[in-house]
Amino acid sequence: MKIRIQRETLVEYEVDMQDATLLAVLGEIKTNQDSTLSFASGCRSSVCGSCSMRVNGKEVLACGYKVQDGDLVEPLKNVPVIRDLVVDMDKAYAFNAKAKAWMNRLTPTKAVTHLDEKINEIQSDCILCGSCYSACPVYAVNPEFLGPFSLTRVWKYVSDVREDDSKEKIDTIQSNGVWDCTLCNECTLVCPQGISSKSDIEKLRAKSAMAGYTDPNFASFGGGFGFDGSPSF
């Protein structure tokens, strides 16, 4: 079985392994063929997110993906490559701070029901693998976009009934945030945890509208949608 790995150049390797995970194949190559091959891994159980990379143009976790003959393996997009399949996620993670993706003012006496827990339960499963960040097409035109996983984390805290000051977060995500998303759903399709950042961003847009914000892109249409009572021709 042959696989191609994007390093400084595209390198092809042949391995005699069947029904093997990509992480196992990479380990075999590094141990027995090319000790210079670099990749990241951790838990080997699809929990830590360390081994995220791209196969045939789609983001996967190497410890869970089963290799097929002819696969093309590449590092994540939209982040600096340190070496081979190892990338620098510092800037991506820094967007969590810019988005103020944390509990701002906790009300510890607030009773949390089982239904309250369900509202943002899945968002708590984010493993920060960066797959959604890599898949997002917005970074090609706006490298300062807060991004899917940061906005998902904002929704997690905005929707938490114990958060006593969600308005500050809504204010923060207006620039390079919820309105910059194209709602293409690429982030949802590659999330190994099944989190829909697109859905979370739509809910944050609704919260923004409730706070008095509107999509700034509408201004460029000059009332062409009839919001000012004028015909839409």
C-alpha atoms as a PDB file:
ATOM      1  CA  MET A   1       0.000   0.000   0.000  1.00  0.00           C
ATOM      2  CA  LYS A   2       1.305   3.421  -0.954  1.00  0.00           C
ATOM      3  CA  ILE A   3       0.626   6.751   0.720  1.00  0.00           C
ATOM      4  CA  ARG A   4       1.933  10.198  -0.117  1.00  0.00           C
ATOM      5  CA  ILE A   5       2.952  12.661   2.589  1.00  0.00           C
ATOM      6  CA  GLN A   6       3.380  16.368   2.010  1.00  0.00           C
ATOM      7  CA  ARG A   7       6.669  17.411   3.563  1.00  0.00           C
ATOM      8  CA  GLU A   8       8.914  20.088   2.053  1.00  0.00           C
ATOM      9  CA  THR A   9       8.197  18.079  -1.086  1.00  0.00           C
ATOM     10  CA  LEU A  10       5.664  15.344  -1.739  1.00  0.00           C
ATOM     11  CA  VAL A  11       7.157  12.025  -0.616  1.00  0.00           C
ATOM     12  CA  GLU A  12       5.693   8.589  -1.370  1.00  0.00           C
ATOM     13  CA  TYR A  13       6.058   5.642   1.000  1.00  0.00           C
ATOM     14  CA  GLU A  14       5.063   2.009   0.641  1.00  0.00           C
ATOM     15  CA  VAL A  15       3.982  -0.017   3.670  1.00  0.00           C
ATOM     16  CA  ASP A  16       2.769  -3.583   4.074  1.00  0.00           C
ATOM     17  CA  MET A  17      -0.116  -2.889   6.464  1.00  0.00           C
ATOM     18  CA  GLN A  18      -3.821  -3.601   6.149  1.00  0.00           C
ATOM     19  CA  ASP A  19      -6.735  -2.088   8.075  1.00  0.00           C
ATOM     20  CA  ALA A  20      -4.291   0.169   9.923  1.00  0.00           C
ATOM     21  CA  THR A  21      -4.852   3.646  11.298  1.00  0.00           C
ATOM     22  CA  LEU A  22      -2.937   6.507   9.789  1.00  0.00           C
ATOM     23  CA  LEU A  23      -1.136   7.020  13.078  1.00  0.00           C
ATOM     24  CA  ALA A  24       0.039   3.404  13.050  1.00  0.00           C
ATOM     25  CA  VAL A  25       1.256   3.774   9.460  1.00  0.00           C
ATOM     26  CA  LEU A  26       3.106   6.984  10.275  1.00  0.00           C
ATOM     27  CA  GLY A  27       4.727   5.217  13.216  1.00  0.00           C
ATOM     28  CA  GLU A  28       5.784   2.341  10.987  1.00  0.00           C
ATOM     29  CA  ILE A  29       7.328   4.721   8.462  1.00  0.00           C
ATOM     30  CA  LYS A  30       9.193   6.663  11.148  1.00  0.00           C
ATOM     31  CA  THR A  31      10.460   3.524  12.880  1.00  0.00           C
ATOM     32  CA  ASN A  32      11.479   1.456   9.876  1.00  0.00           C
ATOM     33  CA  GLN A  33      11.818   3.719   6.845  1.00  0.00           C
ATOM     34  CA  ASP A  34      12.404   7.387   7.611  1.00  0.00           C
ATOM     35  CA  SER A  35      13.250   8.536  11.127  1.00  0.00           C
ATOM     36  CA  THR A  36      13.095  12.191  10.053  1.00  0.00           C
ATOM     37  CA  LEU A  37       9.327  12.124   9.513  1.00  0.00           C
ATOM     38  CA  SER A  38       7.635  14.412  12.034  1.00  0.00           C
ATOM     39  CA  PHE A  39       4.044  14.240  13.276  1.00  0.00           C
ATOM     40  CA  ALA A  40       2.222  14.824  16.552  1.00  0.00           C
ATOM     41  CA  SER A  41       0.219  12.369  18.636  1.00  0.00           C
ATOM     42  CA  GLY A  42      -0.987  11.922  22.172  1.00  0.00           C
ATOM     43  CA  CYS A  43      -3.787   9.788  23.564  1.00  0.00           C
ATOM     44  CA  ARG A  44      -4.255   7.550  20.499  1.00  0.00           C
ATOM     45  CA  SER A  45      -7.948   7.419  21.427  1.00  0.00           C
ATOM     46  CA  SER A  46      -9.438  10.402  19.529  1.00  0.00           C
ATOM     47  CA  VAL A  47      -9.614  12.414  22.753  1.00  0.00           C
ATOM     48  CA  CYS A  48      -6.676  14.833  22.804  1.00  0.00           C
ATOM     49  CA  GLY A  49      -6.859  16.146  19.214  1.00  0.00           C
ATOM     50  CA  SER A  50      -3.059  16.217  18.851  1.00  0.00           C
ATOM     51  CA  CYS A  51      -2.912  14.104  15.696  1.00  0.00           C
ATOM     52  CA  SER A  52      -5.235  16.153  13.502  1.00  0.00           C
ATOM     53  CA  MET A  53      -4.115  16.454   9.879  1.00  0.00           C
ATOM     54  CA  ARG A  54      -5.624  16.308   6.400  1.00  0.00           C
ATOM     55  CA  VAL A  55      -6.156  13.256   4.218  1.00  0.00           C
ATOM     56  CA  ASN A  56      -7.246  13.751   0.616  1.00  0.00           C
ATOM     57  CA  GLY A  57      -8.240  17.319   1.440  1.00  0.00           C
ATOM     58  CA  LYS A  58     -10.296  16.546   4.545  1.00  0.00           C
ATOM     59  CA  GLU A  59      -9.375  17.005   8.190  1.00  0.00           C
ATOM     60  CA  VAL A  60      -9.140  13.788  10.235  1.00  0.00           C
ATOM     61  CA  LEU A  61      -7.647  12.450  13.452  1.00  0.00           C
ATOM     62  CA  ALA A  62      -4.782  10.153  12.456  1.00  0.00           C
ATOM     63  CA  CYS A  63      -5.473   7.770  15.337  1.00  0.00           C
ATOM     64  CA  GLY A  64      -8.981   7.111  14.034  1.00  0.00           C
ATOM     65  CA  TYR A  65      -8.609   7.222  10.253  1.00  0.00           C
ATOM     66  CA  LYS A  66      -8.020   3.926   8.404  1.00  0.00           C
ATOM     67  CA  VAL A  67      -5.484   4.345   5.624  1.00  0.00           C
ATOM     68  CA  GLN A  68      -6.401   3.610   2.006  1.00  0.00           C
ATOM     69  CA  ASP A  69      -4.016   2.954  -0.849  1.00  0.00           C
ATOM     70  CA  GLY A  70      -2.987   6.200  -2.546  1.00  0.00           C
ATOM     71  CA  ASP A  71      -3.960   8.530   0.324  1.00  0.00           C
ATOM     72  CA  LEU A  72      -2.492  12.026   0.302  1.00  0.00           C
ATOM     73  CA  VAL A  73      -1.574  13.194   3.814  1.00  0.00           C
ATOM     74  CA  GLU A  74      -1.005  16.895   4.500  1.00  0.00           C
ATOM     75  CA  PRO A  75      -0.693  19.192   7.530  1.00  0.00           C
ATOM     76  CA  LEU A  76      -3.616  21.338   8.655  1.00  0.00           C
ATOM     77  CA  LYS A  77      -4.312  24.521   6.693  1.00  0.00           C
ATOM     78  CA  ASN A  78      -4.439  28.118   7.934  1.00  0.00           C
ATOM     79  CA  VAL A  79      -1.650  27.538  10.484  1.00  0.00           C
ATOM     80  CA  PRO A  80       2.159  27.729  10.200  1.00  0.00           C
ATOM     81  CA  VAL A  81       3.859  24.393   9.545  1.00  0.00           C
ATOM     82  CA  ILE A  82       6.670  23.686  11.992  1.00  0.00           C
ATOM     83  CA  ARG A  83       7.843  20.550  10.229  1.00  0.00           C
ATOM     84  CA  ASP A  84       6.121  17.973   8.033  1.00  0.00           C
ATOM     85  CA  LEU A  85       2.740  17.283   9.690  1.00  0.00           C
ATOM     86  CA  VAL A  86       3.421  19.286  12.864  1.00  0.00           C
ATOM     87  CA  VAL A  87       1.788  22.737  12.949  1.00  0.00           C
ATOM     88  CA  ASP A  88       1.826  25.743  15.267  1.00  0.00           C
ATOM     89  CA  MET A  89      -1.650  26.260  16.775  1.00  0.00           C
ATOM     90  CA  ASP A  90      -0.709  29.239  18.976  1.00  0.00           C
ATOM     91  CA  LYS A  91      -2.468  31.873  16.857  1.00  0.00           C
ATOM     92  CA  ALA A  92      -5.565  29.716  16.499  1.00  0.00           C
ATOM     93  CA  TYR A  93      -5.774  29.169  20.248  1.00  0.00           C
ATOM     94  CA  ALA A  94      -5.152  32.882  20.867  1.00  0.00           C
ATOM     95  CA  PHE A  95      -8.522  33.638  19.292  1.00  0.00           C
ATOM     96  CA  ASN A  96     -10.150  32.107  22.380  1.00  0.00           C
ATOM     97  CA  ALA A  97      -8.686  34.978  24.387  1.00  0.00           C
ATOM     98  CA  LYS A  98      -9.701  37.587  21.800  1.00  0.00           C
ATOM     99  CA  ALA A  99     -13.243  36.215  21.827  1.00  0.00           C
ATOM    100  CA  LYS A 100     -13.306  36.196  25.658  1.00  0.00           C
ATOM    101  CA  ALA A 101     -14.319  32.560  25.526  1.00  0.00           C
ATOM    102  CA  TRP A 102     -14.581  31.984  29.252  1.00  0.00           C
ATOM    103  CA  MET A 103     -17.037  32.387  32.113  1.00  0.00           C
ATOM    104  CA  ASN A 104     -17.080  36.105  32.793  1.00  0.00           C
ATOM    105  CA  ARG A 105     -19.259  36.548  35.855  1.00  0.00           C
ATOM    106  CA  LEU A 106     -20.408  33.370  37.530  1.00  0.00           C
ATOM    107  CA  THR A 107     -23.609  33.243  39.559  1.00  0.00           C
ATOM    108  CA  PRO A 108     -22.885  30.194  41.748  1.00  0.00           C
ATOM    109  CA  THR A 109     -26.295  30.246  43.423  1.00  0.00           C
ATOM    110  CA  LYS A 110     -28.123  29.840  40.105  1.00  0.00           C
ATOM    111  CA  ALA A 111     -29.822  26.440  39.933  1.00  0.00           C
ATOM    112  CA  VAL A 112     -28.799  24.441  36.853  1.00  0.00           C
ATOM    113  CA  THR A 113     -31.388  21.980  35.587  1.00  0.00           C
ATOM    114  CA  HIS A 114     -30.748  18.923  33.450  1.00  0.00           C
ATOM    115  CA  LEU A 115     -32.286  20.813  30.528  1.00  0.00           C
ATOM    116  CA  ASP A 116     -29.873  23.701  31.119  1.00  0.00           C
ATOM    117  CA  GLU A 117     -26.964  21.268  30.936  1.00  0.00           C
ATOM    118  CA  LYS A 118     -28.186  19.890  27.605  1.00  0.00           C
ATOM    119  CA  ILE A 119     -28.189  23.325  25.954  1.00  0.00           C
ATOM    120  CA  ASN A 120     -24.394  23.442  25.668  1.00  0.00           C
ATOM    121  CA  GLU A 121     -23.405  19.887  26.537  1.00  0.00           C
ATOM    122  CA  ILE A 122     -21.886  19.006  23.163  1.00  0.00           C
ATOM    123  CA  GLN A 123     -19.841  22.221  22.999  1.00  0.00           C
ATOM    124  CA  SER A 124     -18.026  21.030  26.110  1.00  0.00           C
ATOM    125  CA  ASP A 125     -16.735  18.066  24.083  1.00  0.00           C
ATOM    126  CA  CYS A 126     -14.451  20.255  21.940  1.00  0.00           C
ATOM    127  CA  ILE A 127     -10.910  18.829  21.973  1.00  0.00           C
ATOM    128  CA  LEU A 128      -9.269  21.830  20.242  1.00  0.00           C
ATOM    129  CA  CYS A 129      -7.947  19.640  17.438  1.00  0.00           C
ATOM    130  CA  GLY A 130      -8.090  22.577  15.025  1.00  0.00           C
ATOM    131  CA  SER A 131      -9.930  20.639  12.300  1.00  0.00           C
ATOM    132  CA  CYS A 132     -12.632  23.302  11.996  1.00  0.00           C
ATOM    133  CA  TYR A 133      -9.994  26.046  11.929  1.00  0.00           C
ATOM    134  CA  SER A 134      -8.207  24.272   9.077  1.00  0.00           C
ATOM    135  CA  ALA A 135     -11.382  23.653   7.099  1.00  0.00           C
ATOM    136  CA  CYS A 136     -12.687  27.228   7.364  1.00  0.00           C
ATOM    137  CA  PRO A 137     -12.461  29.109   4.026  1.00  0.00           C
ATOM    138  CA  VAL A 138     -12.835  32.536   5.658  1.00  0.00           C
ATOM    139  CA  TYR A 139      -9.149  32.664   6.657  1.00  0.00           C
ATOM    140  CA  ALA A 140      -8.188  32.977   3.011  1.00  0.00           C
ATOM    141  CA  VAL A 141      -9.672  36.495   3.028  1.00  0.00           C
ATOM    142  CA  ASN A 142      -9.659  37.371   6.738  1.00  0.00           C
ATOM    143  CA  PRO A 143      -6.828  35.900   8.831  1.00  0.00           C
ATOM    144  CA  GLU A 144      -8.200  37.705  11.915  1.00  0.00           C
ATOM    145  CA  PHE A 145     -11.518  35.846  11.875  1.00  0.00           C
ATOM    146  CA  LEU A 146     -12.198  34.567  15.399  1.00  0.00           C
ATOM    147  CA  GLY A 147     -13.005  31.171  13.964  1.00  0.00           C
ATOM    148  CA  PRO A 148     -15.342  28.243  14.490  1.00  0.00           C
ATOM    149  CA  PHE A 149     -13.984  26.720  17.669  1.00  0.00           C
ATOM    150  CA  SER A 150     -13.615  30.079  19.433  1.00  0.00           C
ATOM    151  CA  LEU A 151     -17.156  31.103  18.525  1.00  0.00           C
ATOM    152  CA  THR A 152     -18.452  27.701  19.615  1.00  0.00           C
ATOM    153  CA  ARG A 153     -16.814  28.261  22.986  1.00  0.00           C
ATOM    154  CA  VAL A 154     -18.388  31.714  23.198  1.00  0.00           C
ATOM    155  CA  TRP A 155     -21.803  30.148  22.639  1.00  0.00           C
ATOM    156  CA  LYS A 156     -21.045  27.616  25.365  1.00  0.00           C
ATOM    157  CA  TYR A 157     -20.657  30.425  27.907  1.00  0.00           C
ATOM    158  CA  VAL A 158     -23.284  32.805  26.513  1.00  0.00           C
ATOM    159  CA  SER A 159     -25.870  30.029  26.790  1.00  0.00           C
ATOM    160  CA  ASP A 160     -24.795  29.042  30.311  1.00  0.00           C
ATOM    161  CA  VAL A 161     -27.516  30.104  32.757  1.00  0.00           C
ATOM    162  CA  ARG A 162     -24.849  30.823  35.371  1.00  0.00           C
ATOM    163  CA  GLU A 163     -23.210  33.505  33.193  1.00  0.00           C
ATOM    164  CA  ASP A 164     -24.364  36.863  34.571  1.00  0.00           C
ATOM    165  CA  ASP A 165     -22.715  39.057  31.925  1.00  0.00           C
ATOM    166  CA  SER A 166     -23.010  37.605  28.423  1.00  0.00           C
ATOM    167  CA  LYS A 167     -23.401  41.041  26.799  1.00  0.00           C
ATOM    168  CA  GLU A 168     -19.648  41.668  26.873  1.00  0.00           C
ATOM    169  CA  LYS A 169     -19.057  38.521  24.835  1.00  0.00           C
ATOM    170  CA  ILE A 170     -21.721  39.488  22.310  1.00  0.00           C
ATOM    171  CA  ASP A 171     -20.053  42.890  21.950  1.00  0.00           C
ATOM    172  CA  THR A 172     -16.659  41.264  21.419  1.00  0.00           C
ATOM    173  CA  ILE A 173     -17.692  38.952  18.570  1.00  0.00           C
ATOM    174  CA  GLN A 174     -19.137  41.628  16.301  1.00  0.00           C
ATOM    175  CA  SER A 175     -15.788  42.427  14.683  1.00  0.00           C
ATOM    176  CA  ASN A 176     -14.104  39.557  12.794  1.00  0.00           C
ATOM    177  CA  GLY A 177     -16.736  37.346  14.338  1.00  0.00           C
ATOM    178  CA  VAL A 178     -20.260  36.090  13.741  1.00  0.00           C
ATOM    179  CA  TRP A 179     -20.991  38.212  10.676  1.00  0.00           C
ATOM    180  CA  ASP A 180     -17.777  37.174   8.892  1.00  0.00           C
ATOM    181  CA  CYS A 181     -18.789  33.505   8.840  1.00  0.00           C
ATOM    182  CA  THR A 182     -20.155  32.323   5.477  1.00  0.00           C
ATOM    183  CA  LEU A 183     -22.217  29.535   7.109  1.00  0.00           C
ATOM    184  CA  CYS A 184     -20.671  27.075   4.643  1.00  0.00           C
ATOM    185  CA  ASN A 185     -20.809  24.277   7.271  1.00  0.00           C
ATOM    186  CA  GLU A 186     -17.313  22.946   6.448  1.00  0.00           C
ATOM    187  CA  CYS A 187     -16.413  23.156  10.144  1.00  0.00           C
ATOM    188  CA  THR A 188     -19.299  20.910  11.131  1.00  0.00           C
ATOM    189  CA  LEU A 189     -18.466  18.290   8.513  1.00  0.00           C
ATOM    190  CA  VAL A 190     -14.933  17.736   9.836  1.00  0.00           C
ATOM    191  CA  CYS A 191     -15.529  17.972  13.599  1.00  0.00           C
ATOM    192  CA  PRO A 192     -14.655  14.600  15.177  1.00  0.00           C
ATOM    193  CA  GLN A 193     -16.952  15.405  18.105  1.00  0.00           C
ATOM    194  CA  GLY A 194     -20.015  16.204  15.998  1.00  0.00           C
ATOM    195  CA  ILE A 195     -20.142  19.856  17.089  1.00  0.00           C
ATOM    196  CA  SER A 196     -21.894  22.232  14.687  1.00  0.00           C
ATOM    197  CA  SER A 197     -20.075  25.545  14.915  1.00  0.00           C
ATOM    198  CA  LYS A 198     -22.320  26.797  12.112  1.00  0.00           C
ATOM    199  CA  SER A 199     -25.364  26.253  14.298  1.00  0.00           C
ATOM    200  CA  ASP A 200     -23.647  27.903  17.258  1.00  0.00           C
ATOM    201  CA  ILE A 201     -22.750  30.935  15.131  1.00  0.00           C
ATOM    202  CA  GLU A 202     -26.345  31.210  13.927  1.00  0.00           C
ATOM    203  CA  LYS A 203     -27.500  31.237  17.548  1.00  0.00           C
ATOM    204  CA  LEU A 204     -24.908  33.885  18.380  1.00  0.00           C
ATOM    205  CA  ARG A 205     -26.232  35.970  15.488  1.00  0.00           C
ATOM    206  CA  ALA A 206     -29.699  35.713  16.978  1.00  0.00           C
ATOM    207  CA  LYS A 207     -28.336  36.807  20.364  1.00  0.00           C
ATOM    208  CA  SER A 208     -26.539  39.685  18.625  1.00  0.00           C
ATOM    209  CA  ALA A 209     -29.779  40.823  17.002  1.00  0.00           C
ATOM    210  CA  MET A 210     -31.489  40.739  20.391  1.00  0.00           C
ATOM    211  CA  ALA A 211     -28.684  42.971  21.684  1.00  0.00           C
ATOM    212  CA  GLY A 212     -29.365  45.487  18.902  1.00  0.00           C
ATOM    213  CA  TYR A 213     -26.715  44.454  16.390  1.00  0.00           C
ATOM    214  CA  THR A 214     -27.337  43.850  12.686  1.00  0.00           C
ATOM    215  CA  ASP A 215     -25.254  42.302   9.941  1.00  0.00           C
ATOM    216  CA  PRO A 216     -22.964  45.130   8.734  1.00  0.00           C
ATOM    217  CA  ASN A 217     -22.990  43.586   5.266  1.00  0.00           C
ATOM    218  CA  PHE A 218     -26.606  44.683   4.831  1.00  0.00           C
ATOM    219  CA  ALA A 219     -25.462  48.303   4.688  1.00  0.00           C
ATOM    220  CA  SER A 220     -23.690  47.669   1.402  1.00  0.00           C
ATOM    221  CA  PHE A 221     -26.998  46.746  -0.223  1.00  0.00           C
ATOM    222  CA  GLY A 222     -28.436  50.214   0.373  1.00  0.00           C
ATOM    223  CA  GLY A 223     -31.860  49.001   1.399  1.00  0.00           C
ATOM    224  CA  GLY A 224     -32.098  46.701  -1.590  1.00  0.00           C
ATOM    225  CA  PHE A 225     -33.809  44.042   0.494  1.00  0.00           C
ATOM    226  CA  GLY A 226     -36.706  46.360   1.189  1.00  0.00           C
ATOM    227  CA  PHE A 227     -35.905  46.962   4.837  1.00  0.00           C
ATOM    228  CA  ASP A 228     -36.465  50.704   4.343  1.00  0.00           C
ATOM    229  CA  GLY A 229     -39.767  50.207   2.531  1.00  0.00           C
ATOM    230  CA  SER A 230     -38.253  50.670  -0.931  1.00  0.00           C
ATOM    231  CA  PRO A 231     -38.909  48.108  -3.680  1.00  0.00           C
ATOM    232  CA  SER A 232     -36.321  45.372  -4.214  1.00  0.00           C
ATOM    233  CA  PHE A 233     -35.660  45.404  -7.952  1.00  0.00           C
END
